[in-house]
Amino acid sequence: MDTVRNILQLKGNMVYTVCPDSSVYEALEILEENNLGSLVVVEDDGILNGIFTERDYARKVILKGRSSKETLVRHIMTERPVYVTPDIEIGDCMKLMSQKFIRHLPVLENGKLVGLVSIGDLVNYIMNQKDFIIENLEHYISS
């Protein structure tokens, strides 16, 4: 049974975060510099506060005519984001993302942020697992 923990073991636990009192412009700079689609919003104590996504920016800043330099992340972030634990199965995780129309999920263990998975992470993991199985079957058949 493959879980989010398996993905985090491969990709690592690096999570890019932003403070809720940062400007949207500052958050966008972090997204651009690191080629990301989202940032986890955390308070100084590291507690999950929300998630800031490109979708939040497009819908809550651009379409509303706001200024990214004057608007704070806390005013446009998605509060109470959906999150998962490391032990959730990958299939269940994909189902959750599809049902909620989201592409990024913070991963919490015992209330602590331990990672972030994207739909791309899940798809890549599944593709690599299928390739591994195919290679093993080919080796078994040819032996």
Protein backbone atom coordinates (compact mmCIF):
# COMPACT_ATOMS: atom_id res chain seq x y z
CA MET A 1 0.00 0.00 0.00
CA ASP A 2 1.61 3.23 -1.20
CA THR A 3 1.10 6.32 0.93
CA VAL A 4 1.99 10.00 0.90
CA ARG A 5 4.86 9.07 3.22
CA ASN A 6 6.42 7.14 0.30
CA ILE A 7 6.28 10.25 -1.87
CA LEU A 8 7.80 12.44 0.84
CA GLN A 9 10.64 9.94 1.32
CA LEU A 10 11.49 10.34 -2.37
CA LYS A 11 10.93 14.05 -2.88
CA GLY A 12 11.88 15.27 0.57
CA ASN A 13 10.08 17.37 3.14
CA MET A 14 11.03 20.82 1.87
CA VAL A 15 8.01 23.12 2.12
CA TYR A 16 8.08 26.73 0.99
CA THR A 17 6.10 28.91 3.34
CA VAL A 18 5.00 32.50 3.68
CA CYS A 19 3.81 34.58 6.63
CA PRO A 20 0.18 35.76 6.54
CA ASP A 21 1.36 39.37 6.92
CA SER A 22 3.60 39.20 3.84
CA SER A 23 2.45 41.10 0.79
CA VAL A 24 1.01 39.14 -2.08
CA TYR A 25 3.86 40.55 -4.18
CA GLU A 26 6.43 38.97 -1.84
CA ALA A 27 4.60 35.65 -2.06
CA LEU A 28 4.55 35.86 -5.86
CA GLU A 29 8.30 36.44 -5.86
CA ILE A 30 8.80 33.22 -3.87
CA LEU A 31 6.53 31.33 -6.28
CA GLU A 32 8.47 32.64 -9.28
CA GLU A 33 11.95 32.08 -7.83
CA ASN A 34 11.14 28.47 -6.99
CA ASN A 35 8.79 27.59 -9.88
CA LEU A 36 5.93 26.79 -7.49
CA GLY A 37 2.17 26.87 -7.70
CA SER A 38 1.47 27.37 -4.00
CA LEU A 39 2.90 28.36 -0.64
CA VAL A 40 1.83 27.12 2.75
CA VAL A 41 0.90 30.01 5.02
CA VAL A 42 2.23 29.61 8.54
CA GLU A 43 2.40 31.80 11.62
CA ASP A 44 5.71 32.35 13.42
CA ASP A 45 5.00 29.26 15.54
CA GLY A 46 4.88 27.10 12.39
CA ILE A 47 1.17 26.34 12.73
CA LEU A 48 -0.72 25.90 9.43
CA ASN A 49 -2.75 29.02 8.81
CA GLY A 50 -3.75 28.62 5.16
CA ILE A 51 -2.50 28.09 1.65
CA PHE A 52 -1.73 30.69 -1.01
CA THR A 53 -2.07 29.57 -4.62
CA GLU A 54 -1.82 31.05 -8.07
CA ARG A 55 -5.58 30.56 -8.24
CA ASP A 56 -6.03 32.75 -5.14
CA TYR A 57 -3.97 35.46 -6.80
CA ALA A 58 -5.84 35.31 -10.09
CA ARG A 59 -9.29 35.32 -8.55
CA LYS A 60 -8.83 37.55 -5.53
CA VAL A 61 -6.27 40.11 -6.70
CA ILE A 62 -6.23 40.42 -10.49
CA LEU A 63 -9.96 40.03 -11.07
CA LYS A 64 -10.80 42.33 -8.13
CA GLY A 65 -8.39 45.05 -9.29
CA ARG A 66 -6.30 44.90 -6.11
CA SER A 67 -2.63 45.72 -5.82
CA SER A 68 -0.32 42.80 -5.09
CA LYS A 69 2.10 45.12 -3.28
CA GLU A 70 -0.58 46.45 -0.93
CA THR A 71 -2.66 43.32 -0.37
CA LEU A 72 -1.60 40.94 2.40
CA VAL A 73 -1.52 37.19 1.93
CA ARG A 74 -3.92 36.79 4.89
CA HIS A 75 -6.63 38.65 2.95
CA ILE A 76 -6.66 36.32 -0.03
CA MET A 77 -5.26 32.97 1.17
CA THR A 78 -7.44 29.91 1.41
CA GLU A 79 -8.15 29.53 5.10
CA ARG A 80 -8.57 26.12 6.73
CA PRO A 81 -7.04 24.28 3.77
CA VAL A 82 -7.66 20.62 3.18
CA TYR A 83 -4.67 18.62 4.40
CA VAL A 84 -3.63 15.00 4.72
CA THR A 85 -1.46 12.88 6.96
CA PRO A 86 1.55 10.93 5.68
CA ASP A 87 -0.31 7.64 6.05
CA ILE A 88 -3.12 8.40 3.60
CA GLU A 89 -3.07 6.10 0.59
CA ILE A 90 -2.14 7.74 -2.71
CA GLY A 91 -5.42 6.71 -4.35
CA ASP A 92 -7.41 8.31 -1.54
CA CYS A 93 -5.27 11.42 -1.81
CA MET A 94 -5.95 11.70 -5.55
CA LYS A 95 -9.66 11.19 -4.96
CA LEU A 96 -9.69 13.96 -2.34
CA MET A 97 -7.86 16.36 -4.67
CA SER A 98 -10.31 15.60 -7.49
CA GLN A 99 -13.37 16.03 -5.29
CA LYS A 100 -12.15 19.31 -3.79
CA PHE A 101 -10.70 20.68 -7.08
CA ILE A 102 -7.30 21.31 -5.50
CA ARG A 103 -3.77 20.69 -6.71
CA HIS A 104 -1.73 21.03 -3.51
CA LEU A 105 -2.11 19.39 -0.12
CA PRO A 106 -0.18 20.23 3.02
CA VAL A 107 0.87 17.12 4.93
CA LEU A 108 0.53 17.27 8.72
CA GLU A 109 1.67 14.73 11.28
CA ASN A 110 0.67 15.28 14.91
CA GLY A 111 -0.36 18.82 13.99
CA LYS A 112 3.07 19.64 12.53
CA LEU A 113 3.70 20.52 8.89
CA VAL A 114 5.91 17.77 7.46
CA GLY A 115 5.50 18.24 3.72
CA LEU A 116 3.41 19.25 0.74
CA VAL A 117 2.27 17.11 -2.16
CA SER A 118 0.98 18.25 -5.52
CA ILE A 119 -1.09 16.41 -8.07
CA GLY A 120 2.11 16.26 -10.14
CA ASP A 121 3.92 14.50 -7.29
CA LEU A 122 1.18 11.87 -7.15
CA VAL A 123 1.11 11.30 -10.90
CA ASN A 124 4.91 11.04 -11.11
CA TYR A 125 5.00 8.54 -8.26
CA ILE A 126 2.33 6.35 -9.84
CA MET A 127 4.04 6.46 -13.25
CA ASN A 128 7.40 5.49 -11.72
CA GLN A 129 5.79 2.63 -9.80
CA LYS A 130 4.13 1.31 -12.96
CA ASP A 131 7.45 1.51 -14.85
CA PHE A 132 9.15 -0.43 -12.03
CA ILE A 133 6.48 -3.15 -12.14
CA ILE A 134 6.71 -3.44 -15.93
CA GLU A 135 10.52 -3.75 -15.81
CA ASN A 136 10.29 -6.47 -13.17
CA LEU A 137 7.67 -8.39 -15.14
CA GLU A 138 9.76 -8.14 -18.31
CA HIS A 139 12.80 -9.42 -16.42
CA TYR A 140 10.75 -12.26 -14.92
CA ILE A 141 9.33 -13.28 -18.31
CA SER A 142 12.71 -13.22 -20.05
CA SER A 143 14.42 -15.22 -17.27
